[in-house]
């Protein structure tokens, strides 16, 4: 829940979200 909330705040600020594990280039 803590990291999910942090991810939502990052998306709301307009900053590009870091890629998930297993993402391509």
PDBML (XML) file of the C-alpha atoms, coordinates in Angstrom:
<?xml version="1.0" encoding="UTF-8" ?>
<PDBx:datablock datablockName="MODEL"
   xmlns:PDBx="http://pdbml.pdb.org/schema/pdbx-v50.xsd"
   xmlns:xsi="http://www.w3.org/2001/XMLSchema-instance"
   xsi:schemaLocation="http://pdbml.pdb.org/schema/pdbx-v50.xsd pdbx-v50.xsd">
   <PDBx:atom_siteCategory>
      <PDBx:atom_site id="1">
         <PDBx:B_iso_or_equiv>0.00</PDBx:B_iso_or_equiv>
         <PDBx:Cartn_x>0.000</PDBx:Cartn_x>
         <PDBx:Cartn_y>0.000</PDBx:Cartn_y>
         <PDBx:Cartn_z>0.000</PDBx:Cartn_z>
         <PDBx:auth_asym_id>A</PDBx:auth_asym_id>
         <PDBx:auth_atom_id>CA</PDBx:auth_atom_id>
         <PDBx:auth_comp_id>UNK</PDBx:auth_comp_id>
         <PDBx:auth_seq_id>1</PDBx:auth_seq_id>
         <PDBx:group_PDB>ATOM</PDBx:group_PDB>
         <PDBx:label_alt_id xsi:nil="true" />
         <PDBx:label_asym_id>A</PDBx:label_asym_id>
         <PDBx:label_atom_id>CA</PDBx:label_atom_id>
         <PDBx:label_comp_id>UNK</PDBx:label_comp_id>
         <PDBx:label_entity_id>1</PDBx:label_entity_id>
         <PDBx:label_seq_id>1</PDBx:label_seq_id>
         <PDBx:occupancy>1.00</PDBx:occupancy>
         <PDBx:pdbx_PDB_model_num>1</PDBx:pdbx_PDB_model_num>
         <PDBx:type_symbol>C</PDBx:type_symbol>
      </PDBx:atom_site>
      <PDBx:atom_site id="2">
         <PDBx:B_iso_or_equiv>0.00</PDBx:B_iso_or_equiv>
         <PDBx:Cartn_x>2.831</PDBx:Cartn_x>
         <PDBx:Cartn_y>2.430</PDBx:Cartn_y>
         <PDBx:Cartn_z>0.824</PDBx:Cartn_z>
         <PDBx:auth_asym_id>A</PDBx:auth_asym_id>
         <PDBx:auth_atom_id>CA</PDBx:auth_atom_id>
         <PDBx:auth_comp_id>UNK</PDBx:auth_comp_id>
         <PDBx:auth_seq_id>2</PDBx:auth_seq_id>
         <PDBx:group_PDB>ATOM</PDBx:group_PDB>
         <PDBx:label_alt_id xsi:nil="true" />
         <PDBx:label_asym_id>A</PDBx:label_asym_id>
         <PDBx:label_atom_id>CA</PDBx:label_atom_id>
         <PDBx:label_comp_id>UNK</PDBx:label_comp_id>
         <PDBx:label_entity_id>1</PDBx:label_entity_id>
         <PDBx:label_seq_id>2</PDBx:label_seq_id>
         <PDBx:occupancy>1.00</PDBx:occupancy>
         <PDBx:pdbx_PDB_model_num>1</PDBx:pdbx_PDB_model_num>
         <PDBx:type_symbol>C</PDBx:type_symbol>
      </PDBx:atom_site>
      <PDBx:atom_site id="3">
         <PDBx:B_iso_or_equiv>0.00</PDBx:B_iso_or_equiv>
         <PDBx:Cartn_x>4.671</PDBx:Cartn_x>
         <PDBx:Cartn_y>1.909</PDBx:Cartn_y>
         <PDBx:Cartn_z>-2.435</PDBx:Cartn_z>
         <PDBx:auth_asym_id>A</PDBx:auth_asym_id>
         <PDBx:auth_atom_id>CA</PDBx:auth_atom_id>
         <PDBx:auth_comp_id>UNK</PDBx:auth_comp_id>
         <PDBx:auth_seq_id>3</PDBx:auth_seq_id>
         <PDBx:group_PDB>ATOM</PDBx:group_PDB>
         <PDBx:label_alt_id xsi:nil="true" />
         <PDBx:label_asym_id>A</PDBx:label_asym_id>
         <PDBx:label_atom_id>CA</PDBx:label_atom_id>
         <PDBx:label_comp_id>UNK</PDBx:label_comp_id>
         <PDBx:label_entity_id>1</PDBx:label_entity_id>
         <PDBx:label_seq_id>3</PDBx:label_seq_id>
         <PDBx:occupancy>1.00</PDBx:occupancy>
         <PDBx:pdbx_PDB_model_num>1</PDBx:pdbx_PDB_model_num>
         <PDBx:type_symbol>C</PDBx:type_symbol>
      </PDBx:atom_site>
      <PDBx:atom_site id="4">
         <PDBx:B_iso_or_equiv>0.00</PDBx:B_iso_or_equiv>
         <PDBx:Cartn_x>1.425</PDBx:Cartn_x>
         <PDBx:Cartn_y>1.873</PDBx:Cartn_y>
         <PDBx:Cartn_z>-4.400</PDBx:Cartn_z>
         <PDBx:auth_asym_id>A</PDBx:auth_asym_id>
         <PDBx:auth_atom_id>CA</PDBx:auth_atom_id>
         <PDBx:auth_comp_id>UNK</PDBx:auth_comp_id>
         <PDBx:auth_seq_id>4</PDBx:auth_seq_id>
         <PDBx:group_PDB>ATOM</PDBx:group_PDB>
         <PDBx:label_alt_id xsi:nil="true" />
         <PDBx:label_asym_id>A</PDBx:label_asym_id>
         <PDBx:label_atom_id>CA</PDBx:label_atom_id>
         <PDBx:label_comp_id>UNK</PDBx:label_comp_id>
         <PDBx:label_entity_id>1</PDBx:label_entity_id>
         <PDBx:label_seq_id>4</PDBx:label_seq_id>
         <PDBx:occupancy>1.00</PDBx:occupancy>
         <PDBx:pdbx_PDB_model_num>1</PDBx:pdbx_PDB_model_num>
         <PDBx:type_symbol>C</PDBx:type_symbol>
      </PDBx:atom_site>
      <PDBx:atom_site id="5">
         <PDBx:B_iso_or_equiv>0.00</PDBx:B_iso_or_equiv>
         <PDBx:Cartn_x>0.529</PDBx:Cartn_x>
         <PDBx:Cartn_y>5.298</PDBx:Cartn_y>
         <PDBx:Cartn_z>-2.938</PDBx:Cartn_z>
         <PDBx:auth_asym_id>A</PDBx:auth_asym_id>
         <PDBx:auth_atom_id>CA</PDBx:auth_atom_id>
         <PDBx:auth_comp_id>UNK</PDBx:auth_comp_id>
         <PDBx:auth_seq_id>5</PDBx:auth_seq_id>
         <PDBx:group_PDB>ATOM</PDBx:group_PDB>
         <PDBx:label_alt_id xsi:nil="true" />
         <PDBx:label_asym_id>A</PDBx:label_asym_id>
         <PDBx:label_atom_id>CA</PDBx:label_atom_id>
         <PDBx:label_comp_id>UNK</PDBx:label_comp_id>
         <PDBx:label_entity_id>1</PDBx:label_entity_id>
         <PDBx:label_seq_id>5</PDBx:label_seq_id>
         <PDBx:occupancy>1.00</PDBx:occupancy>
         <PDBx:pdbx_PDB_model_num>1</PDBx:pdbx_PDB_model_num>
         <PDBx:type_symbol>C</PDBx:type_symbol>
      </PDBx:atom_site>
      <PDBx:atom_site id="6">
         <PDBx:B_iso_or_equiv>0.00</PDBx:B_iso_or_equiv>
         <PDBx:Cartn_x>4.001</PDBx:Cartn_x>
         <PDBx:Cartn_y>6.597</PDBx:Cartn_y>
         <PDBx:Cartn_z>-3.809</PDBx:Cartn_z>
         <PDBx:auth_asym_id>A</PDBx:auth_asym_id>
         <PDBx:auth_atom_id>CA</PDBx:auth_atom_id>
         <PDBx:auth_comp_id>UNK</PDBx:auth_comp_id>
         <PDBx:auth_seq_id>6</PDBx:auth_seq_id>
         <PDBx:group_PDB>ATOM</PDBx:group_PDB>
         <PDBx:label_alt_id xsi:nil="true" />
         <PDBx:label_asym_id>A</PDBx:label_asym_id>
         <PDBx:label_atom_id>CA</PDBx:label_atom_id>
         <PDBx:label_comp_id>UNK</PDBx:label_comp_id>
         <PDBx:label_entity_id>1</PDBx:label_entity_id>
         <PDBx:label_seq_id>6</PDBx:label_seq_id>
         <PDBx:occupancy>1.00</PDBx:occupancy>
         <PDBx:pdbx_PDB_model_num>1</PDBx:pdbx_PDB_model_num>
         <PDBx:type_symbol>C</PDBx:type_symbol>
      </PDBx:atom_site>
      <PDBx:atom_site id="7">
         <PDBx:B_iso_or_equiv>0.00</PDBx:B_iso_or_equiv>
         <PDBx:Cartn_x>3.557</PDBx:Cartn_x>
         <PDBx:Cartn_y>5.396</PDBx:Cartn_y>
         <PDBx:Cartn_z>-7.378</PDBx:Cartn_z>
         <PDBx:auth_asym_id>A</PDBx:auth_asym_id>
         <PDBx:auth_atom_id>CA</PDBx:auth_atom_id>
         <PDBx:auth_comp_id>UNK</PDBx:auth_comp_id>
         <PDBx:auth_seq_id>7</PDBx:auth_seq_id>
         <PDBx:group_PDB>ATOM</PDBx:group_PDB>
         <PDBx:label_alt_id xsi:nil="true" />
         <PDBx:label_asym_id>A</PDBx:label_asym_id>
         <PDBx:label_atom_id>CA</PDBx:label_atom_id>
         <PDBx:label_comp_id>UNK</PDBx:label_comp_id>
         <PDBx:label_entity_id>1</PDBx:label_entity_id>
         <PDBx:label_seq_id>7</PDBx:label_seq_id>
         <PDBx:occupancy>1.00</PDBx:occupancy>
         <PDBx:pdbx_PDB_model_num>1</PDBx:pdbx_PDB_model_num>
         <PDBx:type_symbol>C</PDBx:type_symbol>
      </PDBx:atom_site>
      <PDBx:atom_site id="8">
         <PDBx:B_iso_or_equiv>0.00</PDBx:B_iso_or_equiv>
         <PDBx:Cartn_x>0.206</PDBx:Cartn_x>
         <PDBx:Cartn_y>7.198</PDBx:Cartn_y>
         <PDBx:Cartn_z>-7.620</PDBx:Cartn_z>
         <PDBx:auth_asym_id>A</PDBx:auth_asym_id>
         <PDBx:auth_atom_id>CA</PDBx:auth_atom_id>
         <PDBx:auth_comp_id>UNK</PDBx:auth_comp_id>
         <PDBx:auth_seq_id>8</PDBx:auth_seq_id>
         <PDBx:group_PDB>ATOM</PDBx:group_PDB>
         <PDBx:label_alt_id xsi:nil="true" />
         <PDBx:label_asym_id>A</PDBx:label_asym_id>
         <PDBx:label_atom_id>CA</PDBx:label_atom_id>
         <PDBx:label_comp_id>UNK</PDBx:label_comp_id>
         <PDBx:label_entity_id>1</PDBx:label_entity_id>
         <PDBx:label_seq_id>8</PDBx:label_seq_id>
         <PDBx:occupancy>1.00</PDBx:occupancy>
         <PDBx:pdbx_PDB_model_num>1</PDBx:pdbx_PDB_model_num>
         <PDBx:type_symbol>C</PDBx:type_symbol>
      </PDBx:atom_site>
      <PDBx:atom_site id="9">
         <PDBx:B_iso_or_equiv>0.00</PDBx:B_iso_or_equiv>
         <PDBx:Cartn_x>1.736</PDBx:Cartn_x>
         <PDBx:Cartn_y>10.451</PDBx:Cartn_y>
         <PDBx:Cartn_z>-6.317</PDBx:Cartn_z>
         <PDBx:auth_asym_id>A</PDBx:auth_asym_id>
         <PDBx:auth_atom_id>CA</PDBx:auth_atom_id>
         <PDBx:auth_comp_id>UNK</PDBx:auth_comp_id>
         <PDBx:auth_seq_id>9</PDBx:auth_seq_id>
         <PDBx:group_PDB>ATOM</PDBx:group_PDB>
         <PDBx:label_alt_id xsi:nil="true" />
         <PDBx:label_asym_id>A</PDBx:label_asym_id>
         <PDBx:label_atom_id>CA</PDBx:label_atom_id>
         <PDBx:label_comp_id>UNK</PDBx:label_comp_id>
         <PDBx:label_entity_id>1</PDBx:label_entity_id>
         <PDBx:label_seq_id>9</PDBx:label_seq_id>
         <PDBx:occupancy>1.00</PDBx:occupancy>
         <PDBx:pdbx_PDB_model_num>1</PDBx:pdbx_PDB_model_num>
         <PDBx:type_symbol>C</PDBx:type_symbol>
      </PDBx:atom_site>
      <PDBx:atom_site id="10">
         <PDBx:B_iso_or_equiv>0.00</PDBx:B_iso_or_equiv>
         <PDBx:Cartn_x>4.519</PDBx:Cartn_x>
         <PDBx:Cartn_y>10.225</PDBx:Cartn_y>
         <PDBx:Cartn_z>-8.896</PDBx:Cartn_z>
         <PDBx:auth_asym_id>A</PDBx:auth_asym_id>
         <PDBx:auth_atom_id>CA</PDBx:auth_atom_id>
         <PDBx:auth_comp_id>UNK</PDBx:auth_comp_id>
         <PDBx:auth_seq_id>10</PDBx:auth_seq_id>
         <PDBx:group_PDB>ATOM</PDBx:group_PDB>
         <PDBx:label_alt_id xsi:nil="true" />
         <PDBx:label_asym_id>A</PDBx:label_asym_id>
         <PDBx:label_atom_id>CA</PDBx:label_atom_id>
         <PDBx:label_comp_id>UNK</PDBx:label_comp_id>
         <PDBx:label_entity_id>1</PDBx:label_entity_id>
         <PDBx:label_seq_id>10</PDBx:label_seq_id>
         <PDBx:occupancy>1.00</PDBx:occupancy>
         <PDBx:pdbx_PDB_model_num>1</PDBx:pdbx_PDB_model_num>
         <PDBx:type_symbol>C</PDBx:type_symbol>
      </PDBx:atom_site>
      <PDBx:atom_site id="11">
         <PDBx:B_iso_or_equiv>0.00</PDBx:B_iso_or_equiv>
         <PDBx:Cartn_x>2.025</PDBx:Cartn_x>
         <PDBx:Cartn_y>9.784</PDBx:Cartn_y>
         <PDBx:Cartn_z>-11.714</PDBx:Cartn_z>
         <PDBx:auth_asym_id>A</PDBx:auth_asym_id>
         <PDBx:auth_atom_id>CA</PDBx:auth_atom_id>
         <PDBx:auth_comp_id>UNK</PDBx:auth_comp_id>
         <PDBx:auth_seq_id>11</PDBx:auth_seq_id>
         <PDBx:group_PDB>ATOM</PDBx:group_PDB>
         <PDBx:label_alt_id xsi:nil="true" />
         <PDBx:label_asym_id>A</PDBx:label_asym_id>
         <PDBx:label_atom_id>CA</PDBx:label_atom_id>
         <PDBx:label_comp_id>UNK</PDBx:label_comp_id>
         <PDBx:label_entity_id>1</PDBx:label_entity_id>
         <PDBx:label_seq_id>11</PDBx:label_seq_id>
         <PDBx:occupancy>1.00</PDBx:occupancy>
         <PDBx:pdbx_PDB_model_num>1</PDBx:pdbx_PDB_model_num>
         <PDBx:type_symbol>C</PDBx:type_symbol>
      </PDBx:atom_site>
      <PDBx:atom_site id="12">
         <PDBx:B_iso_or_equiv>0.00</PDBx:B_iso_or_equiv>
         <PDBx:Cartn_x>-0.050</PDBx:Cartn_x>
         <PDBx:Cartn_y>12.761</PDBx:Cartn_y>
         <PDBx:Cartn_z>-10.477</PDBx:Cartn_z>
         <PDBx:auth_asym_id>A</PDBx:auth_asym_id>
         <PDBx:auth_atom_id>CA</PDBx:auth_atom_id>
         <PDBx:auth_comp_id>UNK</PDBx:auth_comp_id>
         <PDBx:auth_seq_id>12</PDBx:auth_seq_id>
         <PDBx:group_PDB>ATOM</PDBx:group_PDB>
         <PDBx:label_alt_id xsi:nil="true" />
         <PDBx:label_asym_id>A</PDBx:label_asym_id>
         <PDBx:label_atom_id>CA</PDBx:label_atom_id>
         <PDBx:label_comp_id>UNK</PDBx:label_comp_id>
         <PDBx:label_entity_id>1</PDBx:label_entity_id>
         <PDBx:label_seq_id>12</PDBx:label_seq_id>
         <PDBx:occupancy>1.00</PDBx:occupancy>
         <PDBx:pdbx_PDB_model_num>1</PDBx:pdbx_PDB_model_num>
         <PDBx:type_symbol>C</PDBx:type_symbol>
      </PDBx:atom_site>
      <PDBx:atom_site id="13">
         <PDBx:B_iso_or_equiv>0.00</PDBx:B_iso_or_equiv>
         <PDBx:Cartn_x>3.014</PDBx:Cartn_x>
         <PDBx:Cartn_y>15.040</PDBx:Cartn_y>
         <PDBx:Cartn_z>-10.453</PDBx:Cartn_z>
         <PDBx:auth_asym_id>A</PDBx:auth_asym_id>
         <PDBx:auth_atom_id>CA</PDBx:auth_atom_id>
         <PDBx:auth_comp_id>UNK</PDBx:auth_comp_id>
         <PDBx:auth_seq_id>13</PDBx:auth_seq_id>
         <PDBx:group_PDB>ATOM</PDBx:group_PDB>
         <PDBx:label_alt_id xsi:nil="true" />
         <PDBx:label_asym_id>A</PDBx:label_asym_id>
         <PDBx:label_atom_id>CA</PDBx:label_atom_id>
         <PDBx:label_comp_id>UNK</PDBx:label_comp_id>
         <PDBx:label_entity_id>1</PDBx:label_entity_id>
         <PDBx:label_seq_id>13</PDBx:label_seq_id>
         <PDBx:occupancy>1.00</PDBx:occupancy>
         <PDBx:pdbx_PDB_model_num>1</PDBx:pdbx_PDB_model_num>
         <PDBx:type_symbol>C</PDBx:type_symbol>
      </PDBx:atom_site>
      <PDBx:atom_site id="14">
         <PDBx:B_iso_or_equiv>0.00</PDBx:B_iso_or_equiv>
         <PDBx:Cartn_x>3.664</PDBx:Cartn_x>
         <PDBx:Cartn_y>14.350</PDBx:Cartn_y>
         <PDBx:Cartn_z>-14.128</PDBx:Cartn_z>
         <PDBx:auth_asym_id>A</PDBx:auth_asym_id>
         <PDBx:auth_atom_id>CA</PDBx:auth_atom_id>
         <PDBx:auth_comp_id>UNK</PDBx:auth_comp_id>
         <PDBx:auth_seq_id>14</PDBx:auth_seq_id>
         <PDBx:group_PDB>ATOM</PDBx:group_PDB>
         <PDBx:label_alt_id xsi:nil="true" />
         <PDBx:label_asym_id>A</PDBx:label_asym_id>
         <PDBx:label_atom_id>CA</PDBx:label_atom_id>
         <PDBx:label_comp_id>UNK</PDBx:label_comp_id>
         <PDBx:label_entity_id>1</PDBx:label_entity_id>
         <PDBx:label_seq_id>14</PDBx:label_seq_id>
         <PDBx:occupancy>1.00</PDBx:occupancy>
         <PDBx:pdbx_PDB_model_num>1</PDBx:pdbx_PDB_model_num>
         <PDBx:type_symbol>C</PDBx:type_symbol>
      </PDBx:atom_site>
      <PDBx:atom_site id="15">
         <PDBx:B_iso_or_equiv>0.00</PDBx:B_iso_or_equiv>
         <PDBx:Cartn_x>7.035</PDBx:Cartn_x>
         <PDBx:Cartn_y>12.695</PDBx:Cartn_y>
         <PDBx:Cartn_z>-13.561</PDBx:Cartn_z>
         <PDBx:auth_asym_id>A</PDBx:auth_asym_id>
         <PDBx:auth_atom_id>CA</PDBx:auth_atom_id>
         <PDBx:auth_comp_id>UNK</PDBx:auth_comp_id>
         <PDBx:auth_seq_id>15</PDBx:auth_seq_id>
         <PDBx:group_PDB>ATOM</PDBx:group_PDB>
         <PDBx:label_alt_id xsi:nil="true" />
         <PDBx:label_asym_id>A</PDBx:label_asym_id>
         <PDBx:label_atom_id>CA</PDBx:label_atom_id>
         <PDBx:label_comp_id>UNK</PDBx:label_comp_id>
         <PDBx:label_entity_id>1</PDBx:label_entity_id>
         <PDBx:label_seq_id>15</PDBx:label_seq_id>
         <PDBx:occupancy>1.00</PDBx:occupancy>
         <PDBx:pdbx_PDB_model_num>1</PDBx:pdbx_PDB_model_num>
         <PDBx:type_symbol>C</PDBx:type_symbol>
      </PDBx:atom_site>
      <PDBx:atom_site id="16">
         <PDBx:B_iso_or_equiv>0.00</PDBx:B_iso_or_equiv>
         <PDBx:Cartn_x>7.692</PDBx:Cartn_x>
         <PDBx:Cartn_y>9.670</PDBx:Cartn_y>
         <PDBx:Cartn_z>-15.689</PDBx:Cartn_z>
         <PDBx:auth_asym_id>A</PDBx:auth_asym_id>
         <PDBx:auth_atom_id>CA</PDBx:auth_atom_id>
         <PDBx:auth_comp_id>UNK</PDBx:auth_comp_id>
         <PDBx:auth_seq_id>16</PDBx:auth_seq_id>
         <PDBx:group_PDB>ATOM</PDBx:group_PDB>
         <PDBx:label_alt_id xsi:nil="true" />
         <PDBx:label_asym_id>A</PDBx:label_asym_id>
         <PDBx:label_atom_id>CA</PDBx:label_atom_id>
         <PDBx:label_comp_id>UNK</PDBx:label_comp_id>
         <PDBx:label_entity_id>1</PDBx:label_entity_id>
         <PDBx:label_seq_id>16</PDBx:label_seq_id>
         <PDBx:occupancy>1.00</PDBx:occupancy>
         <PDBx:pdbx_PDB_model_num>1</PDBx:pdbx_PDB_model_num>
         <PDBx:type_symbol>C</PDBx:type_symbol>
      </PDBx:atom_site>
      <PDBx:atom_site id="17">
         <PDBx:B_iso_or_equiv>0.00</PDBx:B_iso_or_equiv>
         <PDBx:Cartn_x>7.114</PDBx:Cartn_x>
         <PDBx:Cartn_y>6.470</PDBx:Cartn_y>
         <PDBx:Cartn_z>-13.725</PDBx:Cartn_z>
         <PDBx:auth_asym_id>A</PDBx:auth_asym_id>
         <PDBx:auth_atom_id>CA</PDBx:auth_atom_id>
         <PDBx:auth_comp_id>UNK</PDBx:auth_comp_id>
         <PDBx:auth_seq_id>17</PDBx:auth_seq_id>
         <PDBx:group_PDB>ATOM</PDBx:group_PDB>
         <PDBx:label_alt_id xsi:nil="true" />
         <PDBx:label_asym_id>A</PDBx:label_asym_id>
         <PDBx:label_atom_id>CA</PDBx:label_atom_id>
         <PDBx:label_comp_id>UNK</PDBx:label_comp_id>
         <PDBx:label_entity_id>1</PDBx:label_entity_id>
         <PDBx:label_seq_id>17</PDBx:label_seq_id>
         <PDBx:occupancy>1.00</PDBx:occupancy>
         <PDBx:pdbx_PDB_model_num>1</PDBx:pdbx_PDB_model_num>
         <PDBx:type_symbol>C</PDBx:type_symbol>
      </PDBx:atom_site>
      <PDBx:atom_site id="18">
         <PDBx:B_iso_or_equiv>0.00</PDBx:B_iso_or_equiv>
         <PDBx:Cartn_x>9.975</PDBx:Cartn_x>
         <PDBx:Cartn_y>4.027</PDBx:Cartn_y>
         <PDBx:Cartn_z>-13.424</PDBx:Cartn_z>
         <PDBx:auth_asym_id>A</PDBx:auth_asym_id>
         <PDBx:auth_atom_id>CA</PDBx:auth_atom_id>
         <PDBx:auth_comp_id>UNK</PDBx:auth_comp_id>
         <PDBx:auth_seq_id>18</PDBx:auth_seq_id>
         <PDBx:group_PDB>ATOM</PDBx:group_PDB>
         <PDBx:label_alt_id xsi:nil="true" />
         <PDBx:label_asym_id>A</PDBx:label_asym_id>
         <PDBx:label_atom_id>CA</PDBx:label_atom_id>
         <PDBx:label_comp_id>UNK</PDBx:label_comp_id>
         <PDBx:label_entity_id>1</PDBx:label_entity_id>
         <PDBx:label_seq_id>18</PDBx:label_seq_id>
         <PDBx:occupancy>1.00</PDBx:occupancy>
         <PDBx:pdbx_PDB_model_num>1</PDBx:pdbx_PDB_model_num>
         <PDBx:type_symbol>C</PDBx:type_symbol>
      </PDBx:atom_site>
      <PDBx:atom_site id="19">
         <PDBx:B_iso_or_equiv>0.00</PDBx:B_iso_or_equiv>
         <PDBx:Cartn_x>9.603</PDBx:Cartn_x>
         <PDBx:Cartn_y>0.845</PDBx:Cartn_y>
         <PDBx:Cartn_z>-15.374</PDBx:Cartn_z>
         <PDBx:auth_asym_id>A</PDBx:auth_asym_id>
         <PDBx:auth_atom_id>CA</PDBx:auth_atom_id>
         <PDBx:auth_comp_id>UNK</PDBx:auth_comp_id>
         <PDBx:auth_seq_id>19</PDBx:auth_seq_id>
         <PDBx:group_PDB>ATOM</PDBx:group_PDB>
         <PDBx:label_alt_id xsi:nil="true" />
         <PDBx:label_asym_id>A</PDBx:label_asym_id>
         <PDBx:label_atom_id>CA</PDBx:label_atom_id>
         <PDBx:label_comp_id>UNK</PDBx:label_comp_id>
         <PDBx:label_entity_id>1</PDBx:label_entity_id>
         <PDBx:label_seq_id>19</PDBx:label_seq_id>
         <PDBx:occupancy>1.00</PDBx:occupancy>
         <PDBx:pdbx_PDB_model_num>1</PDBx:pdbx_PDB_model_num>
         <PDBx:type_symbol>C</PDBx:type_symbol>
      </PDBx:atom_site>
      <PDBx:atom_site id="20">
         <PDBx:B_iso_or_equiv>0.00</PDBx:B_iso_or_equiv>
         <PDBx:Cartn_x>8.455</PDBx:Cartn_x>
         <PDBx:Cartn_y>-2.425</PDBx:Cartn_y>
         <PDBx:Cartn_z>-13.799</PDBx:Cartn_z>
         <PDBx:auth_asym_id>A</PDBx:auth_asym_id>
         <PDBx:auth_atom_id>CA</PDBx:auth_atom_id>
         <PDBx:auth_comp_id>UNK</PDBx:auth_comp_id>
         <PDBx:auth_seq_id>20</PDBx:auth_seq_id>
         <PDBx:group_PDB>ATOM</PDBx:group_PDB>
         <PDBx:label_alt_id xsi:nil="true" />
         <PDBx:label_asym_id>A</PDBx:label_asym_id>
         <PDBx:label_atom_id>CA</PDBx:label_atom_id>
         <PDBx:label_comp_id>UNK</PDBx:label_comp_id>
         <PDBx:label_entity_id>1</PDBx:label_entity_id>
         <PDBx:label_seq_id>20</PDBx:label_seq_id>
         <PDBx:occupancy>1.00</PDBx:occupancy>
         <PDBx:pdbx_PDB_model_num>1</PDBx:pdbx_PDB_model_num>
         <PDBx:type_symbol>C</PDBx:type_symbol>
      </PDBx:atom_site>
      <PDBx:atom_site id="21">
         <PDBx:B_iso_or_equiv>0.00</PDBx:B_iso_or_equiv>
         <PDBx:Cartn_x>10.660</PDBx:Cartn_x>
         <PDBx:Cartn_y>-5.407</PDBx:Cartn_y>
         <PDBx:Cartn_z>-13.414</PDBx:Cartn_z>
         <PDBx:auth_asym_id>A</PDBx:auth_asym_id>
         <PDBx:auth_atom_id>CA</PDBx:auth_atom_id>
         <PDBx:auth_comp_id>UNK</PDBx:auth_comp_id>
         <PDBx:auth_seq_id>21</PDBx:auth_seq_id>
         <PDBx:group_PDB>ATOM</PDBx:group_PDB>
         <PDBx:label_alt_id xsi:nil="true" />
         <PDBx:label_asym_id>A</PDBx:label_asym_id>
         <PDBx:label_atom_id>CA</PDBx:label_atom_id>
         <PDBx:label_comp_id>UNK</PDBx:label_comp_id>
         <PDBx:label_entity_id>1</PDBx:label_entity_id>
         <PDBx:label_seq_id>21</PDBx:label_seq_id>
         <PDBx:occupancy>1.00</PDBx:occupancy>
         <PDBx:pdbx_PDB_model_num>1</PDBx:pdbx_PDB_model_num>
         <PDBx:type_symbol>C</PDBx:type_symbol>
      </PDBx:atom_site>
      <PDBx:atom_site id="22">
         <PDBx:B_iso_or_equiv>0.00</PDBx:B_iso_or_equiv>
         <PDBx:Cartn_x>10.602</PDBx:Cartn_x>
         <PDBx:Cartn_y>-7.334</PDBx:Cartn_y>
         <PDBx:Cartn_z>-16.650</PDBx:Cartn_z>
         <PDBx:auth_asym_id>A</PDBx:auth_asym_id>
         <PDBx:auth_atom_id>CA</PDBx:auth_atom_id>
         <PDBx:auth_comp_id>UNK</PDBx:auth_comp_id>
         <PDBx:auth_seq_id>22</PDBx:auth_seq_id>
         <PDBx:group_PDB>ATOM</PDBx:group_PDB>
         <PDBx:label_alt_id xsi:nil="true" />
         <PDBx:label_asym_id>A</PDBx:label_asym_id>
         <PDBx:label_atom_id>CA</PDBx:label_atom_id>
         <PDBx:label_comp_id>UNK</PDBx:label_comp_id>
         <PDBx:label_entity_id>1</PDBx:label_entity_id>
         <PDBx:label_seq_id>22</PDBx:label_seq_id>
         <PDBx:occupancy>1.00</PDBx:occupancy>
         <PDBx:pdbx_PDB_model_num>1</PDBx:pdbx_PDB_model_num>
         <PDBx:type_symbol>C</PDBx:type_symbol>
      </PDBx:atom_site>
      <PDBx:atom_site id="23">
         <PDBx:B_iso_or_equiv>0.00</PDBx:B_iso_or_equiv>
         <PDBx:Cartn_x>10.073</PDBx:Cartn_x>
         <PDBx:Cartn_y>-4.244</PDBx:Cartn_y>
         <PDBx:Cartn_z>-18.825</PDBx:Cartn_z>
         <PDBx:auth_asym_id>A</PDBx:auth_asym_id>
         <PDBx:auth_atom_id>CA</PDBx:auth_atom_id>
         <PDBx:auth_comp_id>UNK</PDBx:auth_comp_id>
         <PDBx:auth_seq_id>23</PDBx:auth_seq_id>
         <PDBx:group_PDB>ATOM</PDBx:group_PDB>
         <PDBx:label_alt_id xsi:nil="true" />
         <PDBx:label_asym_id>A</PDBx:label_asym_id>
         <PDBx:label_atom_id>CA</PDBx:label_atom_id>
         <PDBx:label_comp_id>UNK</PDBx:label_comp_id>
         <PDBx:label_entity_id>1</PDBx:label_entity_id>
         <PDBx:label_seq_id>23</PDBx:label_seq_id>
         <PDBx:occupancy>1.00</PDBx:occupancy>
         <PDBx:pdbx_PDB_model_num>1</PDBx:pdbx_PDB_model_num>
         <PDBx:type_symbol>C</PDBx:type_symbol>
      </PDBx:atom_site>
      <PDBx:atom_site id="24">
         <PDBx:B_iso_or_equiv>0.00</PDBx:B_iso_or_equiv>
         <PDBx:Cartn_x>11.823</PDBx:Cartn_x>
         <PDBx:Cartn_y>-3.880</PDBx:Cartn_y>
         <PDBx:Cartn_z>-22.130</PDBx:Cartn_z>
         <PDBx:auth_asym_id>A</PDBx:auth_asym_id>
         <PDBx:auth_atom_id>CA</PDBx:auth_atom_id>
         <PDBx:auth_comp_id>UNK</PDBx:auth_comp_id>
         <PDBx:auth_seq_id>24</PDBx:auth_seq_id>
         <PDBx:group_PDB>ATOM</PDBx:group_PDB>
         <PDBx:label_alt_id xsi:nil="true" />
         <PDBx:label_asym_id>A</PDBx:label_asym_id>
         <PDBx:label_atom_id>CA</PDBx:label_atom_id>
         <PDBx:label_comp_id>UNK</PDBx:label_comp_id>
         <PDBx:label_entity_id>1</PDBx:label_entity_id>
         <PDBx:label_seq_id>24</PDBx:label_seq_id>
         <PDBx:occupancy>1.00</PDBx:occupancy>
         <PDBx:pdbx_PDB_model_num>1</PDBx:pdbx_PDB_model_num>
         <PDBx:type_symbol>C</PDBx:type_symbol>
      </PDBx:atom_site>
      <PDBx:atom_site id="25">
         <PDBx:B_iso_or_equiv>0.00</PDBx:B_iso_or_equiv>
         <PDBx:Cartn_x>14.078</PDBx:Cartn_x>
         <PDBx:Cartn_y>-1.040</PDBx:Cartn_y>
         <PDBx:Cartn_z>-23.222</PDBx:Cartn_z>
         <PDBx:auth_asym_id>A</PDBx:auth_asym_id>
         <PDBx:auth_atom_id>CA</PDBx:auth_atom_id>
         <PDBx:auth_comp_id>UNK</PDBx:auth_comp_id>
         <PDBx:auth_seq_id>25</PDBx:auth_seq_id>
         <PDBx:group_PDB>ATOM</PDBx:group_PDB>
         <PDBx:label_alt_id xsi:nil="true" />
         <PDBx:label_asym_id>A</PDBx:label_asym_id>
         <PDBx:label_atom_id>CA</PDBx:label_atom_id>
         <PDBx:label_comp_id>UNK</PDBx:label_comp_id>
         <PDBx:label_entity_id>1</PDBx:label_entity_id>
         <PDBx:label_seq_id>25</PDBx:label_seq_id>
         <PDBx:occupancy>1.00</PDBx:occupancy>
         <PDBx:pdbx_PDB_model_num>1</PDBx:pdbx_PDB_model_num>
         <PDBx:type_symbol>C</PDBx:type_symbol>
      </PDBx:atom_site>
   </PDBx:atom_siteCategory>
</PDBx:datablock>
